[in-house]
């Protein structure tokens, strides 16, 4: 499931958004992007994604509100990507429904590893043959 998974990156910084698209595409993922929370909601309603990578500080609907709205309709895994590094921000993000929380600046290699881990956990458990 991990390879070829569809990822939505919601990030208003154009340089970071395109850098994420490049890194994730090279890692074998299909990547769509949105700049604003409203656009991301529309995209998620129209097509399925396997994972959402979400900046907290977005124009319009911010990342926390977007997470809250997503959790009302979907269990799609969410990785928050933000400059907010205080413990309270991390706790709030995770309590709102994020599956992981990555603080900027971050290592692209570490982010790809976190994406793989979250997607792995999101897969239905493999059936093991009876012993």
Protein backbone atom coordinates (compact mmCIF):
# COMPACT_ATOMS: atom_id res chain seq x y z
CA UNK A 1 0.00 0.00 0.00
CA UNK A 2 2.84 2.35 0.79
CA UNK A 3 4.33 2.54 -2.72
CA UNK A 4 2.06 4.45 -5.05
CA UNK A 5 -0.10 5.78 -2.21
CA UNK A 6 -1.93 9.03 -2.92
CA UNK A 7 -0.80 11.90 -0.70
CA UNK A 8 -2.34 15.35 -0.39
CA UNK A 9 0.13 18.06 0.71
CA UNK A 10 -1.57 21.15 2.14
CA UNK A 11 1.06 23.89 2.43
CA UNK A 12 0.88 27.59 1.57
CA UNK A 13 4.64 28.09 1.14
CA UNK A 14 5.27 27.44 -2.57
CA UNK A 15 8.94 26.46 -2.19
CA UNK A 16 8.22 23.97 0.58
CA UNK A 17 5.11 22.62 -1.19
CA UNK A 18 7.04 21.91 -4.39
CA UNK A 19 9.98 20.49 -2.45
CA UNK A 20 7.61 18.09 -0.67
CA UNK A 21 6.06 17.12 -4.00
CA UNK A 22 9.50 16.34 -5.42
CA UNK A 23 10.71 14.33 -2.42
CA UNK A 24 7.49 12.33 -2.12
CA UNK A 25 7.24 11.69 -5.87
CA UNK A 26 10.83 10.41 -5.92
CA UNK A 27 9.86 8.09 -3.04
CA UNK A 28 7.16 6.58 -5.27
CA UNK A 29 4.04 8.41 -4.10
CA UNK A 30 1.36 10.13 -6.15
CA UNK A 31 1.16 13.70 -4.84
CA UNK A 32 -1.54 16.35 -5.10
CA UNK A 33 -1.23 19.77 -3.47
CA UNK A 34 -3.46 22.46 -2.02
CA UNK A 35 -2.58 25.94 -0.75
CA UNK A 36 -5.64 26.58 1.45
CA UNK A 37 -7.69 24.48 3.83
CA UNK A 38 -10.89 25.12 1.86
CA UNK A 39 -9.33 23.71 -1.32
CA UNK A 40 -8.03 20.69 0.57
CA UNK A 41 -11.52 19.92 1.94
CA UNK A 42 -12.98 20.11 -1.56
CA UNK A 43 -10.29 17.79 -2.94
CA UNK A 44 -10.76 15.26 -0.13
CA UNK A 45 -14.51 15.19 -0.73
CA UNK A 46 -13.97 14.55 -4.46
CA UNK A 47 -11.22 11.93 -4.39
CA UNK A 48 -9.68 9.50 -1.91
CA UNK A 49 -6.23 10.08 -0.43
CA UNK A 50 -4.17 7.63 1.59
CA UNK A 51 -2.48 10.37 3.65
CA UNK A 52 -2.68 14.12 4.22
CA UNK A 53 0.41 16.17 5.09
CA UNK A 54 -0.84 19.39 6.56
CA UNK A 55 0.68 22.71 7.58
CA UNK A 56 -0.96 24.17 10.69
CA UNK A 57 -0.65 27.83 9.77
CA UNK A 58 -2.73 28.09 6.60
CA UNK A 59 -4.68 31.06 5.29
CA UNK A 60 -8.45 30.69 5.78
CA UNK A 61 -9.22 27.41 7.49
CA UNK A 62 -6.10 26.63 9.55
CA UNK A 63 -4.61 23.17 9.97
CA UNK A 64 -6.25 22.44 13.33
CA UNK A 65 -9.72 23.30 12.04
CA UNK A 66 -9.07 21.31 8.87
CA UNK A 67 -8.02 18.32 11.00
CA UNK A 68 -11.18 18.64 13.09
CA UNK A 69 -13.36 18.72 9.97
CA UNK A 70 -11.52 15.81 8.36
CA UNK A 71 -11.90 13.68 11.47
CA UNK A 72 -15.67 14.20 11.33
CA UNK A 73 -15.84 12.42 7.96
CA UNK A 74 -12.65 10.42 7.50
CA UNK A 75 -9.98 8.28 9.15
CA UNK A 76 -7.40 9.25 6.52
CA UNK A 77 -4.02 9.51 8.29
CA UNK A 78 -2.74 13.05 8.88
CA UNK A 79 0.82 14.22 9.42
CA UNK A 80 1.02 17.79 10.70
CA UNK A 81 3.98 19.76 9.42
CA UNK A 82 4.56 23.01 11.27
CA UNK A 83 6.94 25.57 12.70
CA UNK A 84 5.03 25.40 15.99
CA UNK A 85 7.36 23.47 18.25
CA UNK A 86 5.93 24.00 21.74
CA UNK A 87 4.73 20.91 23.58
CA UNK A 88 1.19 22.29 23.85
CA UNK A 89 1.01 22.67 20.06
CA UNK A 90 2.16 19.08 19.51
CA UNK A 91 -0.26 17.74 22.11
CA UNK A 92 -3.15 19.74 20.66
CA UNK A 93 -2.38 18.57 17.12
CA UNK A 94 -2.26 14.93 18.17
CA UNK A 95 -5.38 15.27 20.33
CA UNK A 96 -7.26 16.85 17.40
CA UNK A 97 -6.59 13.70 15.39
CA UNK A 98 -3.18 13.93 13.74
CA UNK A 99 -1.28 10.66 13.44
CA UNK A 100 2.13 12.32 13.57
CA UNK A 101 3.60 15.79 14.08
CA UNK A 102 6.76 17.01 12.33
CA UNK A 103 8.41 20.31 13.25
CA UNK A 104 10.02 22.54 10.61
CA UNK A 105 12.81 22.51 9.65
CA UNK A 106 12.85 18.77 9.08
CA UNK A 107 14.88 16.19 7.22
CA UNK A 108 13.20 15.09 3.97
CA UNK A 109 14.51 11.55 4.56
CA UNK A 110 12.95 11.47 8.02
CA UNK A 111 9.64 12.77 6.66
CA UNK A 112 9.54 10.01 4.02
CA UNK A 113 10.24 7.45 6.76
CA UNK A 114 7.39 8.89 8.85
CA UNK A 115 5.09 8.76 5.81
CA UNK A 116 5.96 5.09 5.32
CA UNK A 117 5.37 4.33 9.00
CA UNK A 118 1.99 6.08 9.12
CA UNK A 119 0.85 4.37 5.91
CA UNK A 120 2.02 1.01 7.25
CA UNK A 121 -0.02 1.49 10.44
CA UNK A 122 -3.05 2.55 8.40
CA UNK A 123 -3.13 -0.71 6.41
CA UNK A 124 -5.54 -3.39 7.48
CA UNK A 125 -3.68 -6.13 9.34
CA UNK A 126 -2.41 -8.91 7.15
CA UNK A 127 -4.04 -12.27 7.79
CA UNK A 128 -1.57 -14.76 9.11
CA UNK A 129 -2.04 -18.43 8.45
CA UNK A 130 -3.25 -20.47 11.41
CA UNK A 131 -0.37 -22.23 13.18
